[in-house]
Amino acid sequence: MRFKYLFLGLMLLILAGSMTAIAAADDYESLGDYTFDIPDGYQVTDKTDEMVTMQVDEDHPIIVYKLDSVADVDSFISLLETTGCKLVSEDAFQSGSFDVTPYSYTYLENQGFFYICNDGKGTPILVASSGPSTEDPLTVDDNPARLVVDSLE
């Protein structure tokens, strides 16, 4: 059941429309025990106990989502693949205390990245961004979601 919500969240990210900003006074945000920087120009548009959504405009959202467990990662990836999302696994790297596994993806008319950040405490963090596939593609190292990953504590 949680995967449906996670999938729905990612699809909302991909298909995000314009939203009214509800908070952007600070340069950082928190999600449970974790904090991260908000990239320049982005504003928080939605926040729950498990998810933060940020946007700079209606075509370039970022979502930060707290997964229940490491086991959710494989199920989430399988669900994306069964819906036609094309995933490419990128080279893993270390960021602070997190082991980070990046993926690039394409889905319908969108392209983007998501990062699975695991600090070994059993609660992985998913950071995802998307944009129209008509734009010049960003790289796994050169996109706003990577700024969130690099600041995650």
C-alpha atoms as a PDB file:
ATOM      1  CA  MET A   1       0.000   0.000   0.000  1.00  0.00           C
ATOM      2  CA  ARG A   2       2.853   2.400   0.825  1.00  0.00           C
ATOM      3  CA  PHE A   3       4.274   1.841  -2.645  1.00  0.00           C
ATOM      4  CA  LYS A   4       1.086   3.160  -4.175  1.00  0.00           C
ATOM      5  CA  TYR A   5       1.547   6.379  -2.222  1.00  0.00           C
ATOM      6  CA  LEU A   6       5.234   6.584  -3.072  1.00  0.00           C
ATOM      7  CA  PHE A   7       4.466   5.925  -6.721  1.00  0.00           C
ATOM      8  CA  LEU A   8       1.670   8.477  -6.635  1.00  0.00           C
ATOM      9  CA  GLY A   9       4.077  10.987  -5.092  1.00  0.00           C
ATOM     10  CA  LEU A  10       6.628  10.425  -7.850  1.00  0.00           C
ATOM     11  CA  MET A  11       3.962  10.656 -10.523  1.00  0.00           C
ATOM     12  CA  LEU A  12       2.764  13.909  -8.963  1.00  0.00           C
ATOM     13  CA  LEU A  13       6.357  15.071  -9.116  1.00  0.00           C
ATOM     14  CA  ILE A  14       6.545  14.209 -12.781  1.00  0.00           C
ATOM     15  CA  LEU A  15       3.162  15.692 -13.610  1.00  0.00           C
ATOM     16  CA  ALA A  16       3.283  18.528 -11.101  1.00  0.00           C
ATOM     17  CA  GLY A  17       1.211  21.555 -11.871  1.00  0.00           C
ATOM     18  CA  SER A  18       1.547  24.930 -10.304  1.00  0.00           C
ATOM     19  CA  MET A  19       1.104  25.017  -6.551  1.00  0.00           C
ATOM     20  CA  THR A  20       0.943  27.827  -4.063  1.00  0.00           C
ATOM     21  CA  ALA A  21       4.043  28.054  -1.913  1.00  0.00           C
ATOM     22  CA  ILE A  22       3.317  27.450   1.752  1.00  0.00           C
ATOM     23  CA  ALA A  23       6.768  27.997   3.202  1.00  0.00           C
ATOM     24  CA  ALA A  24      10.098  29.292   1.980  1.00  0.00           C
ATOM     25  CA  ALA A  25      11.372  31.602   4.663  1.00  0.00           C
ATOM     26  CA  ASP A  26      14.303  29.345   5.561  1.00  0.00           C
ATOM     27  CA  ASP A  27      17.143  28.067   3.429  1.00  0.00           C
ATOM     28  CA  TYR A  28      16.756  24.565   4.816  1.00  0.00           C
ATOM     29  CA  GLU A  29      13.976  22.103   5.538  1.00  0.00           C
ATOM     30  CA  SER A  30      13.600  19.064   7.759  1.00  0.00           C
ATOM     31  CA  LEU A  31      12.018  15.670   7.282  1.00  0.00           C
ATOM     32  CA  GLY A  32      11.933  13.659  10.488  1.00  0.00           C
ATOM     33  CA  ASP A  33      15.463  13.559  11.881  1.00  0.00           C
ATOM     34  CA  TYR A  34      16.985  14.739   8.592  1.00  0.00           C
ATOM     35  CA  THR A  35      17.658  18.253   7.316  1.00  0.00           C
ATOM     36  CA  PHE A  36      18.616  19.481   3.860  1.00  0.00           C
ATOM     37  CA  ASP A  37      19.113  22.731   1.965  1.00  0.00           C
ATOM     38  CA  ILE A  38      16.480  24.180  -0.338  1.00  0.00           C
ATOM     39  CA  PRO A  39      18.098  24.974  -3.721  1.00  0.00           C
ATOM     40  CA  ASP A  40      18.169  28.622  -4.813  1.00  0.00           C
ATOM     41  CA  GLY A  41      14.868  29.745  -6.275  1.00  0.00           C
ATOM     42  CA  TYR A  42      12.909  26.757  -4.942  1.00  0.00           C
ATOM     43  CA  GLN A  43      10.047  27.022  -2.489  1.00  0.00           C
ATOM     44  CA  VAL A  44       8.378  24.352  -0.376  1.00  0.00           C
ATOM     45  CA  THR A  45       4.941  23.727  -1.886  1.00  0.00           C
ATOM     46  CA  ASP A  46       3.795  20.740   0.191  1.00  0.00           C
ATOM     47  CA  LYS A  47       4.981  19.038   3.358  1.00  0.00           C
ATOM     48  CA  THR A  48       3.874  15.984   5.335  1.00  0.00           C
ATOM     49  CA  ASP A  49       5.624  13.857   7.955  1.00  0.00           C
ATOM     50  CA  GLU A  50       7.076  11.697   5.173  1.00  0.00           C
ATOM     51  CA  MET A  51       7.447  14.003   2.162  1.00  0.00           C
ATOM     52  CA  VAL A  52       8.540  17.510   1.174  1.00  0.00           C
ATOM     53  CA  THR A  53       7.823  18.894  -2.300  1.00  0.00           C
ATOM     54  CA  MET A  54       9.664  21.949  -3.661  1.00  0.00           C
ATOM     55  CA  GLN A  55       9.253  23.846  -6.916  1.00  0.00           C
ATOM     56  CA  VAL A  56      10.980  26.659  -8.765  1.00  0.00           C
ATOM     57  CA  ASP A  57       8.259  26.560 -11.443  1.00  0.00           C
ATOM     58  CA  GLU A  58       5.588  24.094 -12.489  1.00  0.00           C
ATOM     59  CA  ASP A  59       7.952  22.044 -14.688  1.00  0.00           C
ATOM     60  CA  HIS A  60      10.849  21.436 -12.266  1.00  0.00           C
ATOM     61  CA  PRO A  61       9.714  19.931  -8.953  1.00  0.00           C
ATOM     62  CA  ILE A  62      11.887  18.175  -6.362  1.00  0.00           C
ATOM     63  CA  ILE A  63      10.481  15.658  -3.903  1.00  0.00           C
ATOM     64  CA  VAL A  64      12.180  14.356  -0.752  1.00  0.00           C
ATOM     65  CA  TYR A  65      10.508  11.230   0.621  1.00  0.00           C
ATOM     66  CA  LYS A  66      11.247   9.145   3.705  1.00  0.00           C
ATOM     67  CA  LEU A  67      10.906   5.425   2.892  1.00  0.00           C
ATOM     68  CA  ASP A  68       9.854   2.927   5.569  1.00  0.00           C
ATOM     69  CA  SER A  69      12.771   0.540   5.088  1.00  0.00           C
ATOM     70  CA  VAL A  70      15.569  -0.556   2.782  1.00  0.00           C
ATOM     71  CA  ALA A  71      13.256  -3.298   1.438  1.00  0.00           C
ATOM     72  CA  ASP A  72      10.962  -0.602   0.000  1.00  0.00           C
ATOM     73  CA  VAL A  73      13.641   0.492  -2.472  1.00  0.00           C
ATOM     74  CA  ASP A  74      13.534  -2.662  -4.632  1.00  0.00           C
ATOM     75  CA  SER A  75       9.732  -2.711  -4.624  1.00  0.00           C
ATOM     76  CA  PHE A  76       9.623   0.962  -5.591  1.00  0.00           C
ATOM     77  CA  ILE A  77      12.028   0.440  -8.495  1.00  0.00           C
ATOM     78  CA  SER A  78      10.071  -2.605  -9.705  1.00  0.00           C
ATOM     79  CA  LEU A  79       6.851  -0.615  -9.600  1.00  0.00           C
ATOM     80  CA  LEU A  80       8.371   2.181 -11.681  1.00  0.00           C
ATOM     81  CA  GLU A  81       9.654  -0.273 -14.274  1.00  0.00           C
ATOM     82  CA  THR A  82       6.260  -1.982 -14.601  1.00  0.00           C
ATOM     83  CA  THR A  83       4.619   1.367 -15.379  1.00  0.00           C
ATOM     84  CA  GLY A  84       6.973   2.047 -18.286  1.00  0.00           C
ATOM     85  CA  CYS A  85       9.469   4.270 -16.532  1.00  0.00           C
ATOM     86  CA  LYS A  86      12.902   3.743 -18.108  1.00  0.00           C
ATOM     87  CA  LEU A  87      15.598   3.685 -15.413  1.00  0.00           C
ATOM     88  CA  VAL A  88      19.370   3.829 -15.732  1.00  0.00           C
ATOM     89  CA  SER A  89      21.449   3.093 -12.650  1.00  0.00           C
ATOM     90  CA  GLU A  90      24.357   5.490 -12.236  1.00  0.00           C
ATOM     91  CA  ASP A  91      27.582   5.097 -10.221  1.00  0.00           C
ATOM     92  CA  ALA A  92      26.979   5.058  -6.456  1.00  0.00           C
ATOM     93  CA  PHE A  93      28.798   7.585  -4.281  1.00  0.00           C
ATOM     94  CA  GLN A  94      29.178   8.697  -0.670  1.00  0.00           C
ATOM     95  CA  SER A  95      27.704  11.983   0.561  1.00  0.00           C
ATOM     96  CA  GLY A  96      28.304  12.721   4.229  1.00  0.00           C
ATOM     97  CA  SER A  97      27.094   9.682   6.176  1.00  0.00           C
ATOM     98  CA  PHE A  98      24.918   8.489   3.275  1.00  0.00           C
ATOM     99  CA  ASP A  99      25.549   5.812   0.669  1.00  0.00           C
ATOM    100  CA  VAL A 100      23.816   7.252  -2.400  1.00  0.00           C
ATOM    101  CA  THR A 101      22.560   5.287  -5.403  1.00  0.00           C
ATOM    102  CA  PRO A 102      21.502   7.600  -8.249  1.00  0.00           C
ATOM    103  CA  TYR A 103      19.170   6.740 -11.117  1.00  0.00           C
ATOM    104  CA  SER A 104      18.243   8.699 -14.206  1.00  0.00           C
ATOM    105  CA  TYR A 105      14.800   8.093 -15.661  1.00  0.00           C
ATOM    106  CA  THR A 106      12.480   8.972 -18.490  1.00  0.00           C
ATOM    107  CA  TYR A 107       8.719   8.679 -18.317  1.00  0.00           C
ATOM    108  CA  LEU A 108       6.387   9.897 -21.043  1.00  0.00           C
ATOM    109  CA  GLU A 109       7.492  13.483 -21.796  1.00  0.00           C
ATOM    110  CA  ASN A 110       9.644  13.860 -18.671  1.00  0.00           C
ATOM    111  CA  GLN A 111      13.203  13.178 -17.642  1.00  0.00           C
ATOM    112  CA  GLY A 112      14.801  13.309 -14.252  1.00  0.00           C
ATOM    113  CA  PHE A 113      16.836  11.778 -11.494  1.00  0.00           C
ATOM    114  CA  PHE A 114      16.214  10.131  -8.202  1.00  0.00           C
ATOM    115  CA  TYR A 115      18.656   9.274  -5.475  1.00  0.00           C
ATOM    116  CA  ILE A 116      18.299   6.620  -2.801  1.00  0.00           C
ATOM    117  CA  CYS A 117      20.204   7.891   0.255  1.00  0.00           C
ATOM    118  CA  ASN A 118      20.896   5.328   2.977  1.00  0.00           C
ATOM    119  CA  ASP A 119      22.714   6.145   6.205  1.00  0.00           C
ATOM    120  CA  GLY A 120      22.375   2.582   7.554  1.00  0.00           C
ATOM    121  CA  LYS A 121      19.730   3.496  10.117  1.00  0.00           C
ATOM    122  CA  GLY A 122      16.958   1.672   8.232  1.00  0.00           C
ATOM    123  CA  THR A 123      15.116   4.744   6.872  1.00  0.00           C
ATOM    124  CA  PRO A 124      16.320   5.515   3.340  1.00  0.00           C
ATOM    125  CA  ILE A 125      15.561   8.913   1.846  1.00  0.00           C
ATOM    126  CA  LEU A 126      14.428   9.289  -1.770  1.00  0.00           C
ATOM    127  CA  VAL A 127      15.284  12.589  -3.489  1.00  0.00           C
ATOM    128  CA  ALA A 128      13.798  13.008  -6.982  1.00  0.00           C
ATOM    129  CA  SER A 129      13.594  15.758  -9.583  1.00  0.00           C
ATOM    130  CA  SER A 130      12.039  16.003 -13.012  1.00  0.00           C
ATOM    131  CA  GLY A 131      11.727  18.280 -15.999  1.00  0.00           C
ATOM    132  CA  PRO A 132      10.425  18.220 -19.565  1.00  0.00           C
ATOM    133  CA  SER A 133      12.396  15.924 -21.867  1.00  0.00           C
ATOM    134  CA  THR A 134      12.424  18.711 -24.476  1.00  0.00           C
ATOM    135  CA  GLU A 135      15.143  20.530 -22.501  1.00  0.00           C
ATOM    136  CA  ASP A 136      18.834  19.830 -22.644  1.00  0.00           C
ATOM    137  CA  PRO A 137      19.369  16.888 -20.315  1.00  0.00           C
ATOM    138  CA  LEU A 138      21.068  17.548 -17.004  1.00  0.00           C
ATOM    139  CA  THR A 139      23.632  15.154 -15.617  1.00  0.00           C
ATOM    140  CA  VAL A 140      23.449  13.120 -12.435  1.00  0.00           C
ATOM    141  CA  ASP A 141      25.928  15.583 -10.887  1.00  0.00           C
ATOM    142  CA  ASP A 142      24.431  18.794 -12.292  1.00  0.00           C
ATOM    143  CA  ASN A 143      20.823  19.111 -11.155  1.00  0.00           C
ATOM    144  CA  PRO A 144      18.959  20.624  -8.195  1.00  0.00           C
ATOM    145  CA  ALA A 145      18.171  17.264  -6.583  1.00  0.00           C
ATOM    146  CA  ARG A 146      21.907  16.602  -6.271  1.00  0.00           C
ATOM    147  CA  LEU A 147      22.212  19.833  -4.241  1.00  0.00           C
ATOM    148  CA  VAL A 148      19.615  18.456  -1.822  1.00  0.00           C
ATOM    149  CA  VAL A 149      21.465  15.120  -1.602  1.00  0.00           C
ATOM    150  CA  ASP A 150      24.808  16.827  -0.942  1.00  0.00           C
ATOM    151  CA  SER A 151      23.291  18.841   1.918  1.00  0.00           C
ATOM    152  CA  LEU A 152      21.362  15.963   3.519  1.00  0.00           C
ATOM    153  CA  GLU A 153      22.260  15.434   7.170  1.00  0.00           C
END
